[in-house]
């Protein structure tokens, strides 16, 4: 699961290609979402 923000998306997509795993974007990981949303 990755933040949909540009930089996090780019990081996640590189890792996904390297590990060949499913990738989903989640607003709870967006910058400023806060620890409560992430928790």
ModelCIF file with pLDDT and N, C-alpha, C, O atoms, coordinates in Angstrom:
data_MODEL
#
_entry.id   MODEL 
#
_entity.id                         1 
_entity.type                       polymer 
_entity.pdbx_number_of_molecules   1 
#
_entity_poly.entity_id                      1 
_entity_poly.type                           'polypeptide(L)' 
_entity_poly.nstd_linkage                   no 
_entity_poly.nstd_monomer                   no 
_entity_poly.pdbx_seq_one_letter_code       
;(UNK)(UNK)(UNK)(UNK)(UNK)(UNK)(UNK)(UNK)(UNK)(UNK)(UNK)(UNK)(UNK)(UNK)(UNK)(UNK)
(UNK)(UNK)(UNK)(UNK)(UNK)(UNK)(UNK)(UNK)(UNK)(UNK)(UNK)(UNK)(UNK)(UNK)(UNK)(UNK)
(UNK)(UNK)(UNK)(UNK)(UNK)(UNK)(UNK)
;
_entity_poly.pdbx_seq_one_letter_code_can   XXXXXXXXXXXXXXXXXXXXXXXXXXXXXXXXXXXXXXX 
_entity_poly.pdbx_strand_id                 A 
#
loop_
_entity_poly_seq.entity_id 
_entity_poly_seq.num 
_entity_poly_seq.mon_id 
_entity_poly_seq.hetero 
1 1  UNK n 
1 2  UNK n 
1 3  UNK n 
1 4  UNK n 
1 5  UNK n 
1 6  UNK n 
1 7  UNK n 
1 8  UNK n 
1 9  UNK n 
1 10 UNK n 
1 11 UNK n 
1 12 UNK n 
1 13 UNK n 
1 14 UNK n 
1 15 UNK n 
1 16 UNK n 
1 17 UNK n 
1 18 UNK n 
1 19 UNK n 
1 20 UNK n 
1 21 UNK n 
1 22 UNK n 
1 23 UNK n 
1 24 UNK n 
1 25 UNK n 
1 26 UNK n 
1 27 UNK n 
1 28 UNK n 
1 29 UNK n 
1 30 UNK n 
1 31 UNK n 
1 32 UNK n 
1 33 UNK n 
1 34 UNK n 
1 35 UNK n 
1 36 UNK n 
1 37 UNK n 
1 38 UNK n 
1 39 UNK n 
#
_struct_asym.id          A 
_struct_asym.entity_id   1 
#
loop_
_ma_qa_metric.id 
_ma_qa_metric.mode 
_ma_qa_metric.name 
_ma_qa_metric.software_group_id 
_ma_qa_metric.type 
1 global pLDDT . pLDDT 
2 local  pLDDT . pLDDT 
#
_ma_qa_metric_global.metric_id      1 
_ma_qa_metric_global.metric_value   87.79 
_ma_qa_metric_global.model_id       1 
_ma_qa_metric_global.ordinal_id     1 
#
loop_
_ma_qa_metric_local.label_asym_id 
_ma_qa_metric_local.label_comp_id 
_ma_qa_metric_local.label_seq_id 
_ma_qa_metric_local.metric_id 
_ma_qa_metric_local.metric_value 
_ma_qa_metric_local.model_id 
_ma_qa_metric_local.ordinal_id 
A UNK 1  2 89.00 1 1  
A UNK 2  2 92.00 1 2  
A UNK 3  2 92.00 1 3  
A UNK 4  2 94.00 1 4  
A UNK 5  2 93.00 1 5  
A UNK 6  2 93.00 1 6  
A UNK 7  2 88.00 1 7  
A UNK 8  2 89.00 1 8  
A UNK 9  2 92.00 1 9  
A UNK 10 2 90.00 1 10 
A UNK 11 2 87.00 1 11 
A UNK 12 2 88.00 1 12 
A UNK 13 2 91.00 1 13 
A UNK 14 2 87.00 1 14 
A UNK 15 2 84.00 1 15 
A UNK 16 2 87.00 1 16 
A UNK 17 2 86.00 1 17 
A UNK 18 2 80.00 1 18 
A UNK 19 2 80.00 1 19 
A UNK 20 2 82.00 1 20 
A UNK 21 2 86.00 1 21 
A UNK 22 2 90.00 1 22 
A UNK 23 2 94.00 1 23 
A UNK 24 2 93.00 1 24 
A UNK 25 2 95.00 1 25 
A UNK 26 2 91.00 1 26 
A UNK 27 2 91.00 1 27 
A UNK 28 2 89.00 1 28 
A UNK 29 2 89.00 1 29 
A UNK 30 2 88.00 1 30 
A UNK 31 2 85.00 1 31 
A UNK 32 2 86.00 1 32 
A UNK 33 2 85.00 1 33 
A UNK 34 2 80.00 1 34 
A UNK 35 2 80.00 1 35 
A UNK 36 2 85.00 1 36 
A UNK 37 2 86.00 1 37 
A UNK 38 2 84.00 1 38 
A UNK 39 2 83.00 1 39 
#
loop_
_atom_site.group_PDB 
_atom_site.id 
_atom_site.type_symbol 
_atom_site.label_atom_id 
_atom_site.label_alt_id 
_atom_site.label_comp_id 
_atom_site.label_asym_id 
_atom_site.label_entity_id 
_atom_site.label_seq_id 
_atom_site.pdbx_PDB_ins_code 
_atom_site.Cartn_x 
_atom_site.Cartn_y 
_atom_site.Cartn_z 
_atom_site.occupancy 
_atom_site.B_iso_or_equiv 
_atom_site.pdbx_formal_charge 
_atom_site.auth_seq_id 
_atom_site.auth_comp_id 
_atom_site.auth_asym_id 
_atom_site.auth_atom_id 
_atom_site.pdbx_PDB_model_num 
ATOM 1   N N  . UNK A 1 1  ? 0.868  -1.169 0.000   1.00 89.00 ? 1  UNK A N  1 
ATOM 2   C CA . UNK A 1 1  ? 0.000  0.000  0.000   1.00 89.00 ? 1  UNK A CA 1 
ATOM 3   C C  . UNK A 1 1  ? 0.906  1.220  0.000   1.00 89.00 ? 1  UNK A C  1 
ATOM 4   O O  . UNK A 1 1  ? 1.910  1.253  0.713   1.00 89.00 ? 1  UNK A O  1 
ATOM 5   N N  . UNK A 1 2  ? 0.559  2.216  -0.792  1.00 92.00 ? 2  UNK A N  1 
ATOM 6   C CA . UNK A 1 2  ? 1.391  3.407  -0.888  1.00 92.00 ? 2  UNK A CA 1 
ATOM 7   C C  . UNK A 1 2  ? 0.547  4.665  -0.923  1.00 92.00 ? 2  UNK A C  1 
ATOM 8   O O  . UNK A 1 2  ? -0.614 4.653  -1.334  1.00 92.00 ? 2  UNK A O  1 
ATOM 9   N N  . UNK A 1 3  ? 1.153  5.739  -0.485  1.00 92.00 ? 3  UNK A N  1 
ATOM 10  C CA . UNK A 1 3  ? 0.551  7.060  -0.624  1.00 92.00 ? 3  UNK A CA 1 
ATOM 11  C C  . UNK A 1 3  ? 0.412  7.352  -2.116  1.00 92.00 ? 3  UNK A C  1 
ATOM 12  O O  . UNK A 1 3  ? 1.278  6.972  -2.903  1.00 92.00 ? 3  UNK A O  1 
ATOM 13  N N  . UNK A 1 4  ? -0.667 8.022  -2.508  1.00 94.00 ? 4  UNK A N  1 
ATOM 14  C CA . UNK A 1 4  ? -0.819 8.373  -3.917  1.00 94.00 ? 4  UNK A CA 1 
ATOM 15  C C  . UNK A 1 4  ? 0.007  9.594  -4.331  1.00 94.00 ? 4  UNK A C  1 
ATOM 16  O O  . UNK A 1 4  ? -0.015 9.977  -5.500  1.00 94.00 ? 4  UNK A O  1 
ATOM 17  N N  . UNK A 1 5  ? 0.734  10.213 -3.394  1.00 93.00 ? 5  UNK A N  1 
ATOM 18  C CA . UNK A 1 5  ? 1.560  11.374 -3.725  1.00 93.00 ? 5  UNK A CA 1 
ATOM 19  C C  . UNK A 1 5  ? 2.639  10.978 -4.737  1.00 93.00 ? 5  UNK A C  1 
ATOM 20  O O  . UNK A 1 5  ? 3.084  9.831  -4.764  1.00 93.00 ? 5  UNK A O  1 
ATOM 21  N N  . UNK A 1 6  ? 3.050  11.925 -5.555  1.00 93.00 ? 6  UNK A N  1 
ATOM 22  C CA . UNK A 1 6  ? 3.940  11.655 -6.689  1.00 93.00 ? 6  UNK A CA 1 
ATOM 23  C C  . UNK A 1 6  ? 5.216  10.918 -6.275  1.00 93.00 ? 6  UNK A C  1 
ATOM 24  O O  . UNK A 1 6  ? 5.550  9.888  -6.860  1.00 93.00 ? 6  UNK A O  1 
ATOM 25  N N  . UNK A 1 7  ? 5.923  11.430 -5.284  1.00 88.00 ? 7  UNK A N  1 
ATOM 26  C CA . UNK A 1 7  ? 7.201  10.823 -4.908  1.00 88.00 ? 7  UNK A CA 1 
ATOM 27  C C  . UNK A 1 7  ? 7.010  9.430  -4.310  1.00 88.00 ? 7  UNK A C  1 
ATOM 28  O O  . UNK A 1 7  ? 7.766  8.515  -4.637  1.00 88.00 ? 7  UNK A O  1 
ATOM 29  N N  . UNK A 1 8  ? 6.024  9.255  -3.447  1.00 89.00 ? 8  UNK A N  1 
ATOM 30  C CA . UNK A 1 8  ? 5.751  7.941  -2.860  1.00 89.00 ? 8  UNK A CA 1 
ATOM 31  C C  . UNK A 1 8  ? 5.298  6.963  -3.940  1.00 89.00 ? 8  UNK A C  1 
ATOM 32  O O  . UNK A 1 8  ? 5.682  5.794  -3.925  1.00 89.00 ? 8  UNK A O  1 
ATOM 33  N N  . UNK A 1 9  ? 4.490  7.437  -4.864  1.00 92.00 ? 9  UNK A N  1 
ATOM 34  C CA . UNK A 1 9  ? 4.036  6.598  -5.973  1.00 92.00 ? 9  UNK A CA 1 
ATOM 35  C C  . UNK A 1 9  ? 5.226  6.099  -6.795  1.00 92.00 ? 9  UNK A C  1 
ATOM 36  O O  . UNK A 1 9  ? 5.289  4.923  -7.153  1.00 92.00 ? 9  UNK A O  1 
ATOM 37  N N  . UNK A 1 10 ? 6.159  6.989  -7.087  1.00 90.00 ? 10 UNK A N  1 
ATOM 38  C CA . UNK A 1 10 ? 7.337  6.605  -7.869  1.00 90.00 ? 10 UNK A CA 1 
ATOM 39  C C  . UNK A 1 10 ? 8.169  5.561  -7.120  1.00 90.00 ? 10 UNK A C  1 
ATOM 40  O O  . UNK A 1 10 ? 8.623  4.583  -7.713  1.00 90.00 ? 10 UNK A O  1 
ATOM 41  N N  . UNK A 1 11 ? 8.363  5.772  -5.824  1.00 87.00 ? 11 UNK A N  1 
ATOM 42  C CA . UNK A 1 11 ? 9.109  4.805  -5.009  1.00 87.00 ? 11 UNK A CA 1 
ATOM 43  C C  . UNK A 1 11 ? 8.405  3.455  -5.016  1.00 87.00 ? 11 UNK A C  1 
ATOM 44  O O  . UNK A 1 11 ? 9.035  2.422  -5.246  1.00 87.00 ? 11 UNK A O  1 
ATOM 45  N N  . UNK A 1 12 ? 7.109  3.463  -4.765  1.00 88.00 ? 12 UNK A N  1 
ATOM 46  C CA . UNK A 1 12 ? 6.332  2.220  -4.717  1.00 88.00 ? 12 UNK A CA 1 
ATOM 47  C C  . UNK A 1 12 ? 6.365  1.484  -6.054  1.00 88.00 ? 12 UNK A C  1 
ATOM 48  O O  . UNK A 1 12 ? 6.492  0.260  -6.085  1.00 88.00 ? 12 UNK A O  1 
ATOM 49  N N  . UNK A 1 13 ? 6.252  2.211  -7.141  1.00 91.00 ? 13 UNK A N  1 
ATOM 50  C CA . UNK A 1 13 ? 6.254  1.563  -8.456  1.00 91.00 ? 13 UNK A CA 1 
ATOM 51  C C  . UNK A 1 13 ? 7.607  0.922  -8.770  1.00 91.00 ? 13 UNK A C  1 
ATOM 52  O O  . UNK A 1 13 ? 7.655  -0.139 -9.392  1.00 91.00 ? 13 UNK A O  1 
ATOM 53  N N  . UNK A 1 14 ? 8.712  1.557  -8.345  1.00 87.00 ? 14 UNK A N  1 
ATOM 54  C CA . UNK A 1 14 ? 10.038 0.946  -8.532  1.00 87.00 ? 14 UNK A CA 1 
ATOM 55  C C  . UNK A 1 14 ? 10.175 -0.323 -7.694  1.00 87.00 ? 14 UNK A C  1 
ATOM 56  O O  . UNK A 1 14 ? 10.679 -1.338 -8.177  1.00 87.00 ? 14 UNK A O  1 
ATOM 57  N N  . UNK A 1 15 ? 9.731  -0.268 -6.446  1.00 84.00 ? 15 UNK A N  1 
ATOM 58  C CA . UNK A 1 15 ? 9.795  -1.449 -5.585  1.00 84.00 ? 15 UNK A CA 1 
ATOM 59  C C  . UNK A 1 15 ? 8.905  -2.554 -6.145  1.00 84.00 ? 15 UNK A C  1 
ATOM 60  O O  . UNK A 1 15 ? 9.291  -3.723 -6.163  1.00 84.00 ? 15 UNK A O  1 
ATOM 61  N N  . UNK A 1 16 ? 7.725  -2.182 -6.596  1.00 87.00 ? 16 UNK A N  1 
ATOM 62  C CA . UNK A 1 16 ? 6.779  -3.167 -7.138  1.00 87.00 ? 16 UNK A CA 1 
ATOM 63  C C  . UNK A 1 16 ? 7.387  -3.908 -8.328  1.00 87.00 ? 16 UNK A C  1 
ATOM 64  O O  . UNK A 1 16 ? 7.267  -5.129 -8.426  1.00 87.00 ? 16 UNK A O  1 
ATOM 65  N N  . UNK A 1 17 ? 8.032  -3.182 -9.222  1.00 86.00 ? 17 UNK A N  1 
ATOM 66  C CA . UNK A 1 17 ? 8.658  -3.830 -10.381 1.00 86.00 ? 17 UNK A CA 1 
ATOM 67  C C  . UNK A 1 17 ? 9.777  -4.773 -9.932  1.00 86.00 ? 17 UNK A C  1 
ATOM 68  O O  . UNK A 1 17 ? 9.974  -5.836 -10.522 1.00 86.00 ? 17 UNK A O  1 
ATOM 69  N N  . UNK A 1 18 ? 10.502 -4.381 -8.892  1.00 80.00 ? 18 UNK A N  1 
ATOM 70  C CA . UNK A 1 18 ? 11.620 -5.185 -8.396  1.00 80.00 ? 18 UNK A CA 1 
ATOM 71  C C  . UNK A 1 18 ? 11.140 -6.455 -7.690  1.00 80.00 ? 18 UNK A C  1 
ATOM 72  O O  . UNK A 1 18 ? 11.740 -7.517 -7.857  1.00 80.00 ? 18 UNK A O  1 
ATOM 73  N N  . UNK A 1 19 ? 10.070 -6.356 -6.907  1.00 80.00 ? 19 UNK A N  1 
ATOM 74  C CA . UNK A 1 19 ? 9.572  -7.494 -6.135  1.00 80.00 ? 19 UNK A CA 1 
ATOM 75  C C  . UNK A 1 19 ? 8.405  -8.233 -6.781  1.00 80.00 ? 19 UNK A C  1 
ATOM 76  O O  . UNK A 1 19 ? 8.057  -9.333 -6.351  1.00 80.00 ? 19 UNK A O  1 
ATOM 77  N N  . UNK A 1 20 ? 7.799  -7.643 -7.803  1.00 82.00 ? 20 UNK A N  1 
ATOM 78  C CA . UNK A 1 20 ? 6.638  -8.241 -8.473  1.00 82.00 ? 20 UNK A CA 1 
ATOM 79  C C  . UNK A 1 20 ? 5.510  -8.552 -7.487  1.00 82.00 ? 20 UNK A C  1 
ATOM 80  O O  . UNK A 1 20 ? 5.056  -9.692 -7.390  1.00 82.00 ? 20 UNK A O  1 
ATOM 81  N N  . UNK A 1 21 ? 5.058  -7.509 -6.747  1.00 86.00 ? 21 UNK A N  1 
ATOM 82  C CA . UNK A 1 21 ? 3.950  -7.671 -5.809  1.00 86.00 ? 21 UNK A CA 1 
ATOM 83  C C  . UNK A 1 21 ? 2.826  -6.720 -6.191  1.00 86.00 ? 21 UNK A C  1 
ATOM 84  O O  . UNK A 1 21 ? 3.042  -5.749 -6.917  1.00 86.00 ? 21 UNK A O  1 
ATOM 85  N N  . UNK A 1 22 ? 1.629  -7.004 -5.700  1.00 90.00 ? 22 UNK A N  1 
ATOM 86  C CA . UNK A 1 22 ? 0.474  -6.147 -5.949  1.00 90.00 ? 22 UNK A CA 1 
ATOM 87  C C  . UNK A 1 22 ? 0.678  -4.801 -5.266  1.00 90.00 ? 22 UNK A C  1 
ATOM 88  O O  . UNK A 1 22 ? 1.252  -4.731 -4.180  1.00 90.00 ? 22 UNK A O  1 
ATOM 89  N N  . UNK A 1 23 ? 0.205  -3.734 -5.906  1.00 94.00 ? 23 UNK A N  1 
ATOM 90  C CA . UNK A 1 23 ? 0.340  -2.381 -5.387  1.00 94.00 ? 23 UNK A CA 1 
ATOM 91  C C  . UNK A 1 23 ? -1.024 -1.711 -5.386  1.00 94.00 ? 23 UNK A C  1 
ATOM 92  O O  . UNK A 1 23 ? -1.745 -1.732 -6.384  1.00 94.00 ? 23 UNK A O  1 
ATOM 93  N N  . UNK A 1 24 ? -1.368 -1.110 -4.238  1.00 93.00 ? 24 UNK A N  1 
ATOM 94  C CA . UNK A 1 24 ? -2.619 -0.352 -4.103  1.00 93.00 ? 24 UNK A CA 1 
ATOM 95  C C  . UNK A 1 24 ? -2.289 0.990  -3.463  1.00 93.00 ? 24 UNK A C  1 
ATOM 96  O O  . UNK A 1 24 ? -1.407 1.083  -2.609  1.00 93.00 ? 24 UNK A O  1 
ATOM 97  N N  . UNK A 1 25 ? -2.999 2.019  -3.880  1.00 95.00 ? 25 UNK A N  1 
ATOM 98  C CA . UNK A 1 25 ? -2.776 3.355  -3.338  1.00 95.00 ? 25 UNK A CA 1 
ATOM 99  C C  . UNK A 1 25 ? -3.829 3.652  -2.282  1.00 95.00 ? 25 UNK A C  1 
ATOM 100 O O  . UNK A 1 25 ? -5.008 3.349  -2.465  1.00 95.00 ? 25 UNK A O  1 
ATOM 101 N N  . UNK A 1 26 ? -3.394 4.250  -1.174  1.00 91.00 ? 26 UNK A N  1 
ATOM 102 C CA . UNK A 1 26 ? -4.239 4.438  -0.001  1.00 91.00 ? 26 UNK A CA 1 
ATOM 103 C C  . UNK A 1 26 ? -4.087 5.855  0.545   1.00 91.00 ? 26 UNK A C  1 
ATOM 104 O O  . UNK A 1 26 ? -2.981 6.284  0.874   1.00 91.00 ? 26 UNK A O  1 
ATOM 105 N N  . UNK A 1 27 ? -5.208 6.581  0.639   1.00 91.00 ? 27 UNK A N  1 
ATOM 106 C CA . UNK A 1 27 ? -5.185 7.948  1.139   1.00 91.00 ? 27 UNK A CA 1 
ATOM 107 C C  . UNK A 1 27 ? -4.715 8.058  2.589   1.00 91.00 ? 27 UNK A C  1 
ATOM 108 O O  . UNK A 1 27 ? -4.217 9.111  2.989   1.00 91.00 ? 27 UNK A O  1 
ATOM 109 N N  . UNK A 1 28 ? -4.859 7.000  3.382   1.00 89.00 ? 28 UNK A N  1 
ATOM 110 C CA . UNK A 1 28 ? -4.407 7.039  4.781   1.00 89.00 ? 28 UNK A CA 1 
ATOM 111 C C  . UNK A 1 28 ? -2.891 7.173  4.883   1.00 89.00 ? 28 UNK A C  1 
ATOM 112 O O  . UNK A 1 28 ? -2.368 7.469  5.957   1.00 89.00 ? 28 UNK A O  1 
ATOM 113 N N  . UNK A 1 29 ? -2.184 6.959  3.776   1.00 89.00 ? 29 UNK A N  1 
ATOM 114 C CA . UNK A 1 29 ? -0.726 7.107  3.750   1.00 89.00 ? 29 UNK A CA 1 
ATOM 115 C C  . UNK A 1 29 ? -0.288 8.432  3.135   1.00 89.00 ? 29 UNK A C  1 
ATOM 116 O O  . UNK A 1 29 ? 0.906  8.709  3.030   1.00 89.00 ? 29 UNK A O  1 
ATOM 117 N N  . UNK A 1 30 ? -1.242 9.233  2.737   1.00 88.00 ? 30 UNK A N  1 
ATOM 118 C CA . UNK A 1 30 ? -0.940 10.529 2.119   1.00 88.00 ? 30 UNK A CA 1 
ATOM 119 C C  . UNK A 1 30 ? -0.249 11.442 3.135   1.00 88.00 ? 30 UNK A C  1 
ATOM 120 O O  . UNK A 1 30 ? -0.522 11.361 4.332   1.00 88.00 ? 30 UNK A O  1 
ATOM 121 N N  . UNK A 1 31 ? 0.636  12.301 2.660   1.00 85.00 ? 31 UNK A N  1 
ATOM 122 C CA . UNK A 1 31 ? 1.326  13.264 3.514   1.00 85.00 ? 31 UNK A CA 1 
ATOM 123 C C  . UNK A 1 31 ? 0.306  14.097 4.269   1.00 85.00 ? 31 UNK A C  1 
ATOM 124 O O  . UNK A 1 31 ? -0.612 14.657 3.670   1.00 85.00 ? 31 UNK A O  1 
ATOM 125 N N  . UNK A 1 32 ? 0.464  14.178 5.564   1.00 86.00 ? 32 UNK A N  1 
ATOM 126 C CA . UNK A 1 32 ? -0.446 14.957 6.391   1.00 86.00 ? 32 UNK A CA 1 
ATOM 127 C C  . UNK A 1 32 ? -1.663 14.186 6.866   1.00 86.00 ? 32 UNK A C  1 
ATOM 128 O O  . UNK A 1 32 ? -2.487 14.733 7.598   1.00 86.00 ? 32 UNK A O  1 
ATOM 129 N N  . UNK A 1 33 ? -1.797 12.913 6.464   1.00 85.00 ? 33 UNK A N  1 
ATOM 130 C CA . UNK A 1 33 ? -2.953 12.123 6.902   1.00 85.00 ? 33 UNK A CA 1 
ATOM 131 C C  . UNK A 1 33 ? -2.907 11.890 8.404   1.00 85.00 ? 33 UNK A C  1 
ATOM 132 O O  . UNK A 1 33 ? -3.950 11.739 9.040   1.00 85.00 ? 33 UNK A O  1 
ATOM 133 N N  . UNK A 1 34 ? -1.725 11.859 8.968   1.00 80.00 ? 34 UNK A N  1 
ATOM 134 C CA . UNK A 1 34 ? -1.581 11.706 10.413  1.00 80.00 ? 34 UNK A CA 1 
ATOM 135 C C  . UNK A 1 34 ? -1.462 10.277 10.856  1.00 80.00 ? 34 UNK A C  1 
ATOM 136 O O  . UNK A 1 34 ? -1.873 9.355  10.151  1.00 80.00 ? 34 UNK A O  1 
ATOM 137 N N  . UNK A 1 35 ? -0.895 10.095 12.033  1.00 80.00 ? 35 UNK A N  1 
ATOM 138 C CA . UNK A 1 35 ? -0.648 8.769  12.575  1.00 80.00 ? 35 UNK A CA 1 
ATOM 139 C C  . UNK A 1 35 ? -1.950 8.017  12.844  1.00 80.00 ? 35 UNK A C  1 
ATOM 140 O O  . UNK A 1 35 ? -1.980 6.790  12.749  1.00 80.00 ? 35 UNK A O  1 
ATOM 141 N N  . UNK A 1 36 ? -3.024 8.732  13.179  1.00 85.00 ? 36 UNK A N  1 
ATOM 142 C CA . UNK A 1 36 ? -4.293 8.053  13.470  1.00 85.00 ? 36 UNK A CA 1 
ATOM 143 C C  . UNK A 1 36 ? -4.842 7.344  12.240  1.00 85.00 ? 36 UNK A C  1 
ATOM 144 O O  . UNK A 1 36 ? -5.281 6.197  12.323  1.00 85.00 ? 36 UNK A O  1 
ATOM 145 N N  . UNK A 1 37 ? -4.817 8.028  11.099  1.00 86.00 ? 37 UNK A N  1 
ATOM 146 C CA . UNK A 1 37 ? -5.310 7.416  9.858   1.00 86.00 ? 37 UNK A CA 1 
ATOM 147 C C  . UNK A 1 37 ? -4.427 6.243  9.451   1.00 86.00 ? 37 UNK A C  1 
ATOM 148 O O  . UNK A 1 37 ? -4.925 5.197  9.036   1.00 86.00 ? 37 UNK A O  1 
ATOM 149 N N  . UNK A 1 38 ? -3.121 6.423  9.572   1.00 84.00 ? 38 UNK A N  1 
ATOM 150 C CA . UNK A 1 38 ? -2.190 5.353  9.211   1.00 84.00 ? 38 UNK A CA 1 
ATOM 151 C C  . UNK A 1 38 ? -2.346 4.168  10.155  1.00 84.00 ? 38 UNK A C  1 
ATOM 152 O O  . UNK A 1 38 ? -2.318 3.016  9.721   1.00 84.00 ? 38 UNK A O  1 
ATOM 153 N N  . UNK A 1 39 ? -2.511 4.453  11.457  1.00 83.00 ? 39 UNK A N  1 
ATOM 154 C CA . UNK A 1 39 ? -2.708 3.382  12.442  1.00 83.00 ? 39 UNK A CA 1 
ATOM 155 C C  . UNK A 1 39 ? -3.982 2.602  12.133  1.00 83.00 ? 39 UNK A C  1 
ATOM 156 O O  . UNK A 1 39 ? -4.318 1.660  12.851  1.00 83.00 ? 39 UNK A O  1 
#
